[in-house]
Amino acid sequence: SMLSVRNVRASFGGFLALDDVSLEL
């Protein structure tokens, strides 16, 4: 695996922009 994203969450104020995102490259 070069890049592993696990259960990422990100928000701007009250807006949830990323909701439990996982990705494998």
mmCIF file of all heavy atoms, coordinates in Angstrom:
data_MODEL
# 
_entry.id   MODEL 
# 
loop_
_atom_site.group_PDB 
_atom_site.id 
_atom_site.type_symbol 
_atom_site.label_atom_id 
_atom_site.label_alt_id 
_atom_site.label_comp_id 
_atom_site.label_asym_id 
_atom_site.label_entity_id 
_atom_site.label_seq_id 
_atom_site.pdbx_PDB_ins_code 
_atom_site.Cartn_x 
_atom_site.Cartn_y 
_atom_site.Cartn_z 
_atom_site.occupancy 
_atom_site.B_iso_or_equiv 
_atom_site.pdbx_formal_charge 
_atom_site.auth_seq_id 
_atom_site.auth_comp_id 
_atom_site.auth_asym_id 
_atom_site.auth_atom_id 
_atom_site.pdbx_PDB_model_num 
ATOM 1   N N   . SER A 1 1  ? 0.836   -1.193 0.000  1.00 0.00 ? 1  SER A N   1 
ATOM 2   C CA  . SER A 1 1  ? 0.000   0.000  0.000  1.00 0.00 ? 1  SER A CA  1 
ATOM 3   C C   . SER A 1 1  ? 0.875   1.249  0.000  1.00 0.00 ? 1  SER A C   1 
ATOM 4   O O   . SER A 1 1  ? 1.780   1.383  0.818  1.00 0.00 ? 1  SER A O   1 
ATOM 5   C CB  . SER A 1 1  ? -0.914  -0.001 1.222  1.00 0.00 ? 1  SER A CB  1 
ATOM 6   O OG  . SER A 1 1  ? -1.645  1.202  1.292  1.00 0.00 ? 1  SER A OG  1 
ATOM 7   N N   . MET A 1 2  ? 0.614   2.170  -0.922 1.00 0.00 ? 2  MET A N   1 
ATOM 8   C CA  . MET A 1 2  ? 1.301   3.457  -0.941 1.00 0.00 ? 2  MET A CA  1 
ATOM 9   C C   . MET A 1 2  ? 0.592   4.447  -0.020 1.00 0.00 ? 2  MET A C   1 
ATOM 10  O O   . MET A 1 2  ? 1.223   5.148  0.775  1.00 0.00 ? 2  MET A O   1 
ATOM 11  C CB  . MET A 1 2  ? 1.338   4.001  -2.372 1.00 0.00 ? 2  MET A CB  1 
ATOM 12  C CG  . MET A 1 2  ? 1.884   5.409  -2.510 1.00 0.00 ? 2  MET A CG  1 
ATOM 13  S SD  . MET A 1 2  ? 3.658   5.547  -2.233 1.00 0.00 ? 2  MET A SD  1 
ATOM 14  C CE  . MET A 1 2  ? 4.309   4.851  -3.745 1.00 0.00 ? 2  MET A CE  1 
ATOM 15  N N   . LEU A 1 3  ? -0.742  4.472  -0.118 1.00 0.00 ? 3  LEU A N   1 
ATOM 16  C CA  . LEU A 1 3  ? -1.541  5.421  0.644  1.00 0.00 ? 3  LEU A CA  1 
ATOM 17  C C   . LEU A 1 3  ? -2.755  4.698  1.225  1.00 0.00 ? 3  LEU A C   1 
ATOM 18  O O   . LEU A 1 3  ? -3.471  4.008  0.502  1.00 0.00 ? 3  LEU A O   1 
ATOM 19  C CB  . LEU A 1 3  ? -2.001  6.562  -0.262 1.00 0.00 ? 3  LEU A CB  1 
ATOM 20  C CG  . LEU A 1 3  ? -2.899  7.632  0.344  1.00 0.00 ? 3  LEU A CG  1 
ATOM 21  C CD1 . LEU A 1 3  ? -2.137  8.456  1.367  1.00 0.00 ? 3  LEU A CD1 1 
ATOM 22  C CD2 . LEU A 1 3  ? -3.457  8.537  -0.758 1.00 0.00 ? 3  LEU A CD2 1 
ATOM 23  N N   . SER A 1 4  ? -2.968  4.871  2.507  1.00 0.00 ? 4  SER A N   1 
ATOM 24  C CA  . SER A 1 4  ? -4.094  4.224  3.180  1.00 0.00 ? 4  SER A CA  1 
ATOM 25  C C   . SER A 1 4  ? -4.859  5.256  3.998  1.00 0.00 ? 4  SER A C   1 
ATOM 26  O O   . SER A 1 4  ? -4.308  5.870  4.913  1.00 0.00 ? 4  SER A O   1 
ATOM 27  C CB  . SER A 1 4  ? -3.592  3.094  4.088  1.00 0.00 ? 4  SER A CB  1 
ATOM 28  O OG  . SER A 1 4  ? -4.671  2.441  4.718  1.00 0.00 ? 4  SER A OG  1 
ATOM 29  N N   . VAL A 1 5  ? -6.120  5.478  3.630  1.00 0.00 ? 5  VAL A N   1 
ATOM 30  C CA  . VAL A 1 5  ? -6.999  6.412  4.337  1.00 0.00 ? 5  VAL A CA  1 
ATOM 31  C C   . VAL A 1 5  ? -8.031  5.580  5.092  1.00 0.00 ? 5  VAL A C   1 
ATOM 32  O O   . VAL A 1 5  ? -8.706  4.737  4.504  1.00 0.00 ? 5  VAL A O   1 
ATOM 33  C CB  . VAL A 1 5  ? -7.706  7.365  3.353  1.00 0.00 ? 5  VAL A CB  1 
ATOM 34  C CG1 . VAL A 1 5  ? -8.665  8.299  4.082  1.00 0.00 ? 5  VAL A CG1 1 
ATOM 35  C CG2 . VAL A 1 5  ? -6.678  8.158  2.550  1.00 0.00 ? 5  VAL A CG2 1 
ATOM 36  N N   . ARG A 1 6  ? -8.163  5.805  6.388  1.00 0.00 ? 6  ARG A N   1 
ATOM 37  C CA  . ARG A 1 6  ? -9.041  4.977  7.210  1.00 0.00 ? 6  ARG A CA  1 
ATOM 38  C C   . ARG A 1 6  ? -10.023 5.828  8.011  1.00 0.00 ? 6  ARG A C   1 
ATOM 39  O O   . ARG A 1 6  ? -9.635  6.627  8.855  1.00 0.00 ? 6  ARG A O   1 
ATOM 40  C CB  . ARG A 1 6  ? -8.213  4.125  8.188  1.00 0.00 ? 6  ARG A CB  1 
ATOM 41  C CG  . ARG A 1 6  ? -7.425  3.020  7.519  1.00 0.00 ? 6  ARG A CG  1 
ATOM 42  C CD  . ARG A 1 6  ? -8.347  1.864  7.101  1.00 0.00 ? 6  ARG A CD  1 
ATOM 43  N NE  . ARG A 1 6  ? -7.615  0.828  6.387  1.00 0.00 ? 6  ARG A NE  1 
ATOM 44  C CZ  . ARG A 1 6  ? -7.519  0.752  5.072  1.00 0.00 ? 6  ARG A CZ  1 
ATOM 45  N NH1 . ARG A 1 6  ? -8.102  1.670  4.324  1.00 0.00 ? 6  ARG A NH1 1 
ATOM 46  N NH2 . ARG A 1 6  ? -6.856  -0.224 4.493  1.00 0.00 ? 6  ARG A NH2 1 
ATOM 47  N N   . ASN A 1 7  ? -11.321 5.659  7.704  1.00 0.00 ? 7  ASN A N   1 
ATOM 48  C CA  . ASN A 1 7  ? -12.418 6.214  8.510  1.00 0.00 ? 7  ASN A CA  1 
ATOM 49  C C   . ASN A 1 7  ? -12.262 7.708  8.780  1.00 0.00 ? 7  ASN A C   1 
ATOM 50  O O   . ASN A 1 7  ? -12.488 8.183  9.898  1.00 0.00 ? 7  ASN A O   1 
ATOM 51  C CB  . ASN A 1 7  ? -12.528 5.456  9.835  1.00 0.00 ? 7  ASN A CB  1 
ATOM 52  C CG  . ASN A 1 7  ? -12.616 3.951  9.636  1.00 0.00 ? 7  ASN A CG  1 
ATOM 53  O OD1 . ASN A 1 7  ? -11.691 3.223  10.012 1.00 0.00 ? 7  ASN A OD1 1 
ATOM 54  N ND2 . ASN A 1 7  ? -13.690 3.483  9.040  1.00 0.00 ? 7  ASN A ND2 1 
ATOM 55  N N   . VAL A 1 8  ? -11.922 8.444  7.736  1.00 0.00 ? 8  VAL A N   1 
ATOM 56  C CA  . VAL A 1 8  ? -11.670 9.875  7.877  1.00 0.00 ? 8  VAL A CA  1 
ATOM 57  C C   . VAL A 1 8  ? -12.982 10.666 7.887  1.00 0.00 ? 8  VAL A C   1 
ATOM 58  O O   . VAL A 1 8  ? -13.871 10.436 7.073  1.00 0.00 ? 8  VAL A O   1 
ATOM 59  C CB  . VAL A 1 8  ? -10.753 10.374 6.745  1.00 0.00 ? 8  VAL A CB  1 
ATOM 60  C CG1 . VAL A 1 8  ? -10.805 11.892 6.619  1.00 0.00 ? 8  VAL A CG1 1 
ATOM 61  C CG2 . VAL A 1 8  ? -9.317  9.928  6.998  1.00 0.00 ? 8  VAL A CG2 1 
ATOM 62  N N   . ARG A 1 9  ? -13.059 11.601 8.827  1.00 0.00 ? 9  ARG A N   1 
ATOM 63  C CA  . ARG A 1 9  ? -14.170 12.533 8.910  1.00 0.00 ? 9  ARG A CA  1 
ATOM 64  C C   . ARG A 1 9  ? -13.596 13.949 8.937  1.00 0.00 ? 9  ARG A C   1 
ATOM 65  O O   . ARG A 1 9  ? -12.585 14.211 9.593  1.00 0.00 ? 9  ARG A O   1 
ATOM 66  C CB  . ARG A 1 9  ? -15.008 12.291 10.170 1.00 0.00 ? 9  ARG A CB  1 
ATOM 67  C CG  . ARG A 1 9  ? -15.713 10.956 10.191 1.00 0.00 ? 9  ARG A CG  1 
ATOM 68  C CD  . ARG A 1 9  ? -16.250 10.624 11.574 1.00 0.00 ? 9  ARG A CD  1 
ATOM 69  N NE  . ARG A 1 9  ? -17.286 11.540 12.008 1.00 0.00 ? 9  ARG A NE  1 
ATOM 70  C CZ  . ARG A 1 9  ? -18.590 11.356 11.778 1.00 0.00 ? 9  ARG A CZ  1 
ATOM 71  N NH1 . ARG A 1 9  ? -19.008 10.297 11.111 1.00 0.00 ? 9  ARG A NH1 1 
ATOM 72  N NH2 . ARG A 1 9  ? -19.486 12.228 12.225 1.00 0.00 ? 9  ARG A NH2 1 
ATOM 73  N N   . ALA A 1 10 ? -14.259 14.867 8.222  1.00 0.00 ? 10 ALA A N   1 
ATOM 74  C CA  . ALA A 1 10 ? -13.843 16.264 8.213  1.00 0.00 ? 10 ALA A CA  1 
ATOM 75  C C   . ALA A 1 10 ? -15.087 17.124 8.054  1.00 0.00 ? 10 ALA A C   1 
ATOM 76  O O   . ALA A 1 10 ? -16.040 16.732 7.386  1.00 0.00 ? 10 ALA A O   1 
ATOM 77  C CB  . ALA A 1 10 ? -12.861 16.542 7.079  1.00 0.00 ? 10 ALA A CB  1 
ATOM 78  N N   . SER A 1 11 ? -15.057 18.308 8.660  1.00 0.00 ? 11 SER A N   1 
ATOM 79  C CA  . SER A 1 11 ? -16.235 19.162 8.602  1.00 0.00 ? 11 SER A CA  1 
ATOM 80  C C   . SER A 1 11 ? -15.836 20.623 8.511  1.00 0.00 ? 11 SER A C   1 
ATOM 81  O O   . SER A 1 11 ? -14.728 21.014 8.886  1.00 0.00 ? 11 SER A O   1 
ATOM 82  C CB  . SER A 1 11 ? -17.124 18.940 9.828  1.00 0.00 ? 11 SER A CB  1 
ATOM 83  O OG  . SER A 1 11 ? -16.407 19.220 11.024 1.00 0.00 ? 11 SER A OG  1 
ATOM 84  N N   . PHE A 1 12 ? -16.777 21.432 8.011  1.00 0.00 ? 12 PHE A N   1 
ATOM 85  C CA  . PHE A 1 12 ? -16.644 22.889 7.966  1.00 0.00 ? 12 PHE A CA  1 
ATOM 86  C C   . PHE A 1 12 ? -17.829 23.460 8.723  1.00 0.00 ? 12 PHE A C   1 
ATOM 87  O O   . PHE A 1 12 ? -18.959 23.440 8.221  1.00 0.00 ? 12 PHE A O   1 
ATOM 88  C CB  . PHE A 1 12 ? -16.622 23.387 6.523  1.00 0.00 ? 12 PHE A CB  1 
ATOM 89  C CG  . PHE A 1 12 ? -15.517 22.797 5.684  1.00 0.00 ? 12 PHE A CG  1 
ATOM 90  C CD1 . PHE A 1 12 ? -15.778 21.775 4.794  1.00 0.00 ? 12 PHE A CD1 1 
ATOM 91  C CD2 . PHE A 1 12 ? -14.222 23.271 5.796  1.00 0.00 ? 12 PHE A CD2 1 
ATOM 92  C CE1 . PHE A 1 12 ? -14.764 21.230 4.025  1.00 0.00 ? 12 PHE A CE1 1 
ATOM 93  C CE2 . PHE A 1 12 ? -13.199 22.731 5.025  1.00 0.00 ? 12 PHE A CE2 1 
ATOM 94  C CZ  . PHE A 1 12 ? -13.467 21.710 4.135  1.00 0.00 ? 12 PHE A CZ  1 
ATOM 95  N N   . GLY A 1 13 ? -17.572 23.938 9.947  1.00 0.00 ? 13 GLY A N   1 
ATOM 96  C CA  . GLY A 1 13 ? -18.678 24.359 10.780 1.00 0.00 ? 13 GLY A CA  1 
ATOM 97  C C   . GLY A 1 13 ? -19.557 23.162 11.104 1.00 0.00 ? 13 GLY A C   1 
ATOM 98  O O   . GLY A 1 13 ? -19.091 22.136 11.581 1.00 0.00 ? 13 GLY A O   1 
ATOM 99  N N   . GLY A 1 14 ? -20.828 23.261 10.774 1.00 0.00 ? 14 GLY A N   1 
ATOM 100 C CA  . GLY A 1 14 ? -21.742 22.151 11.020 1.00 0.00 ? 14 GLY A CA  1 
ATOM 101 C C   . GLY A 1 14 ? -21.900 21.212 9.847  1.00 0.00 ? 14 GLY A C   1 
ATOM 102 O O   . GLY A 1 14 ? -22.666 20.239 9.927  1.00 0.00 ? 14 GLY A O   1 
ATOM 103 N N   . PHE A 1 15 ? -21.181 21.488 8.743  1.00 0.00 ? 15 PHE A N   1 
ATOM 104 C CA  . PHE A 1 15 ? -21.322 20.656 7.543  1.00 0.00 ? 15 PHE A CA  1 
ATOM 105 C C   . PHE A 1 15 ? -20.292 19.537 7.542  1.00 0.00 ? 15 PHE A C   1 
ATOM 106 O O   . PHE A 1 15 ? -19.089 19.792 7.609  1.00 0.00 ? 15 PHE A O   1 
ATOM 107 C CB  . PHE A 1 15 ? -21.155 21.509 6.288  1.00 0.00 ? 15 PHE A CB  1 
ATOM 108 C CG  . PHE A 1 15 ? -21.164 20.713 5.006  1.00 0.00 ? 15 PHE A CG  1 
ATOM 109 C CD1 . PHE A 1 15 ? -22.312 20.086 4.567  1.00 0.00 ? 15 PHE A CD1 1 
ATOM 110 C CD2 . PHE A 1 15 ? -19.998 20.594 4.258  1.00 0.00 ? 15 PHE A CD2 1 
ATOM 111 C CE1 . PHE A 1 15 ? -22.315 19.351 3.399  1.00 0.00 ? 15 PHE A CE1 1 
ATOM 112 C CE2 . PHE A 1 15 ? -19.992 19.857 3.086  1.00 0.00 ? 15 PHE A CE2 1 
ATOM 113 C CZ  . PHE A 1 15 ? -21.159 19.236 2.650  1.00 0.00 ? 15 PHE A CZ  1 
ATOM 114 N N   . LEU A 1 16 ? -20.763 18.302 7.469  1.00 0.00 ? 16 LEU A N   1 
ATOM 115 C CA  . LEU A 1 16 ? -19.869 17.143 7.443  1.00 0.00 ? 16 LEU A CA  1 
ATOM 116 C C   . LEU A 1 16 ? -19.454 16.872 5.998  1.00 0.00 ? 16 LEU A C   1 
ATOM 117 O O   . LEU A 1 16 ? -20.219 16.334 5.202  1.00 0.00 ? 16 LEU A O   1 
ATOM 118 C CB  . LEU A 1 16 ? -20.582 15.922 8.035  1.00 0.00 ? 16 LEU A CB  1 
ATOM 119 C CG  . LEU A 1 16 ? -19.728 14.662 8.259  1.00 0.00 ? 16 LEU A CG  1 
ATOM 120 C CD1 . LEU A 1 16 ? -18.577 14.953 9.216  1.00 0.00 ? 16 LEU A CD1 1 
ATOM 121 C CD2 . LEU A 1 16 ? -20.597 13.528 8.786  1.00 0.00 ? 16 LEU A CD2 1 
ATOM 122 N N   . ALA A 1 17 ? -18.222 17.247 5.657  1.00 0.00 ? 17 ALA A N   1 
ATOM 123 C CA  . ALA A 1 17 ? -17.736 17.133 4.277  1.00 0.00 ? 17 ALA A CA  1 
ATOM 124 C C   . ALA A 1 17 ? -17.240 15.736 3.952  1.00 0.00 ? 17 ALA A C   1 
ATOM 125 O O   . ALA A 1 17 ? -17.362 15.275 2.813  1.00 0.00 ? 17 ALA A O   1 
ATOM 126 C CB  . ALA A 1 17 ? -16.628 18.150 4.029  1.00 0.00 ? 17 ALA A CB  1 
ATOM 127 N N   . LEU A 1 18 ? -16.640 15.065 4.937  1.00 0.00 ? 18 LEU A N   1 
ATOM 128 C CA  . LEU A 1 18 ? -16.175 13.689 4.778  1.00 0.00 ? 18 LEU A CA  1 
ATOM 129 C C   . LEU A 1 18 ? -16.739 12.864 5.928  1.00 0.00 ? 18 LEU A C   1 
ATOM 130 O O   . LEU A 1 18 ? -16.554 13.214 7.091  1.00 0.00 ? 18 LEU A O   1 
ATOM 131 C CB  . LEU A 1 18 ? -14.643 13.621 4.781  1.00 0.00 ? 18 LEU A CB  1 
ATOM 132 C CG  . LEU A 1 18 ? -13.908 14.353 3.664  1.00 0.00 ? 18 LEU A CG  1 
ATOM 133 C CD1 . LEU A 1 18 ? -12.397 14.269 3.873  1.00 0.00 ? 18 LEU A CD1 1 
ATOM 134 C CD2 . LEU A 1 18 ? -14.289 13.798 2.293  1.00 0.00 ? 18 LEU A CD2 1 
ATOM 135 N N   . ASP A 1 19 ? -17.393 11.766 5.587  1.00 0.00 ? 19 ASP A N   1 
ATOM 136 C CA  . ASP A 1 19 ? -18.097 10.970 6.581  1.00 0.00 ? 19 ASP A CA  1 
ATOM 137 C C   . ASP A 1 19 ? -17.617 9.521  6.533  1.00 0.00 ? 19 ASP A C   1 
ATOM 138 O O   . ASP A 1 19 ? -18.085 8.725  5.718  1.00 0.00 ? 19 ASP A O   1 
ATOM 139 C CB  . ASP A 1 19 ? -19.608 11.048 6.316  1.00 0.00 ? 19 ASP A CB  1 
ATOM 140 C CG  . ASP A 1 19 ? -20.432 10.336 7.378  1.00 0.00 ? 19 ASP A CG  1 
ATOM 141 O OD1 . ASP A 1 19 ? -19.851 9.901  8.385  1.00 0.00 ? 19 ASP A OD1 1 
ATOM 142 O OD2 . ASP A 1 19 ? -21.657 10.220 7.179  1.00 0.00 ? 19 ASP A OD2 1 
ATOM 143 N N   . ASP A 1 20 ? -16.623 9.206  7.361  1.00 0.00 ? 20 ASP A N   1 
ATOM 144 C CA  . ASP A 1 20 ? -16.121 7.838  7.484  1.00 0.00 ? 20 ASP A CA  1 
ATOM 145 C C   . ASP A 1 20 ? -15.562 7.306  6.160  1.00 0.00 ? 20 ASP A C   1 
ATOM 146 O O   . ASP A 1 20 ? -15.883 6.217  5.707  1.00 0.00 ? 20 ASP A O   1 
ATOM 147 C CB  . ASP A 1 20 ? -17.231 6.912  7.991  1.00 0.00 ? 20 ASP A CB  1 
ATOM 148 C CG  . ASP A 1 20 ? -16.685 5.607  8.570  1.00 0.00 ? 20 ASP A CG  1 
ATOM 149 O OD1 . ASP A 1 20 ? -15.624 5.651  9.198  1.00 0.00 ? 20 ASP A OD1 1 
ATOM 150 O OD2 . ASP A 1 20 ? -17.321 4.554  8.360  1.00 0.00 ? 20 ASP A OD2 1 
ATOM 151 N N   . VAL A 1 21 ? -14.682 8.094  5.540  1.00 0.00 ? 21 VAL A N   1 
ATOM 152 C CA  . VAL A 1 21 ? -14.119 7.750  4.229  1.00 0.00 ? 21 VAL A CA  1 
ATOM 153 C C   . VAL A 1 21 ? -12.868 6.884  4.389  1.00 0.00 ? 21 VAL A C   1 
ATOM 154 O O   . VAL A 1 21 ? -11.952 7.227  5.139  1.00 0.00 ? 21 VAL A O   1 
ATOM 155 C CB  . VAL A 1 21 ? -13.764 9.027  3.440  1.00 0.00 ? 21 VAL A CB  1 
ATOM 156 C CG1 . VAL A 1 21 ? -12.990 8.682  2.169  1.00 0.00 ? 21 VAL A CG1 1 
ATOM 157 C CG2 . VAL A 1 21 ? -15.026 9.796  3.100  1.00 0.00 ? 21 VAL A CG2 1 
ATOM 158 N N   . SER A 1 22 ? -12.848 5.775  3.666  1.00 0.00 ? 22 SER A N   1 
ATOM 159 C CA  . SER A 1 22 ? -11.668 4.897  3.612  1.00 0.00 ? 22 SER A CA  1 
ATOM 160 C C   . SER A 1 22 ? -11.296 4.658  2.163  1.00 0.00 ? 22 SER A C   1 
ATOM 161 O O   . SER A 1 22 ? -12.177 4.501  1.308  1.00 0.00 ? 22 SER A O   1 
ATOM 162 C CB  . SER A 1 22 ? -11.946 3.564  4.309  1.00 0.00 ? 22 SER A CB  1 
ATOM 163 O OG  . SER A 1 22 ? -12.169 3.739  5.692  1.00 0.00 ? 22 SER A OG  1 
ATOM 164 N N   . LEU A 1 23 ? -9.993  4.635  1.894  1.00 0.00 ? 23 LEU A N   1 
ATOM 165 C CA  . LEU A 1 23 ? -9.503  4.483  0.518  1.00 0.00 ? 23 LEU A CA  1 
ATOM 166 C C   . LEU A 1 23 ? -8.117  3.859  0.563  1.00 0.00 ? 23 LEU A C   1 
ATOM 167 O O   . LEU A 1 23 ? -7.324  4.170  1.450  1.00 0.00 ? 23 LEU A O   1 
ATOM 168 C CB  . LEU A 1 23 ? -9.480  5.847  -0.164 1.00 0.00 ? 23 LEU A CB  1 
ATOM 169 C CG  . LEU A 1 23 ? -8.944  5.994  -1.581 1.00 0.00 ? 23 LEU A CG  1 
ATOM 170 C CD1 . LEU A 1 23 ? -9.696  7.114  -2.307 1.00 0.00 ? 23 LEU A CD1 1 
ATOM 171 C CD2 . LEU A 1 23 ? -7.443  6.307  -1.573 1.00 0.00 ? 23 LEU A CD2 1 
ATOM 172 N N   . GLU A 1 24 ? -7.831  3.003  -0.399 1.00 0.00 ? 24 GLU A N   1 
ATOM 173 C CA  . GLU A 1 24 ? -6.526  2.334  -0.470 1.00 0.00 ? 24 GLU A CA  1 
ATOM 174 C C   . GLU A 1 24 ? -5.926  2.541  -1.866 1.00 0.00 ? 24 GLU A C   1 
ATOM 175 O O   . GLU A 1 24 ? -6.578  2.271  -2.876 1.00 0.00 ? 24 GLU A O   1 
ATOM 176 C CB  . GLU A 1 24 ? -6.689  0.843  -0.196 1.00 0.00 ? 24 GLU A CB  1 
ATOM 177 C CG  . GLU A 1 24 ? -5.396  0.125  0.130  1.00 0.00 ? 24 GLU A CG  1 
ATOM 178 C CD  . GLU A 1 24 ? -5.005  0.248  1.595  1.00 0.00 ? 24 GLU A CD  1 
ATOM 179 O OE1 . GLU A 1 24 ? -5.884  0.571  2.417  1.00 0.00 ? 24 GLU A OE1 1 
ATOM 180 O OE2 . GLU A 1 24 ? -3.823  0.026  1.903  1.00 0.00 ? 24 GLU A OE2 1 
ATOM 181 N N   . LEU A 1 25 ? -4.702  3.034  -1.893 1.00 0.00 ? 25 LEU A N   1 
ATOM 182 C CA  . LEU A 1 25 ? -3.975  3.234  -3.146 1.00 0.00 ? 25 LEU A CA  1 
ATOM 183 C C   . LEU A 1 25 ? -2.704  2.397  -3.098 1.00 0.00 ? 25 LEU A C   1 
ATOM 184 O O   . LEU A 1 25 ? -1.847  2.601  -2.242 1.00 0.00 ? 25 LEU A O   1 
ATOM 185 C CB  . LEU A 1 25 ? -3.626  4.719  -3.321 1.00 0.00 ? 25 LEU A CB  1 
ATOM 186 C CG  . LEU A 1 25 ? -2.795  5.118  -4.529 1.00 0.00 ? 25 LEU A CG  1 
ATOM 187 C CD1 . LEU A 1 25 ? -3.514  4.782  -5.832 1.00 0.00 ? 25 LEU A CD1 1 
ATOM 188 C CD2 . LEU A 1 25 ? -2.468  6.611  -4.486 1.00 0.00 ? 25 LEU A CD2 1 
# 
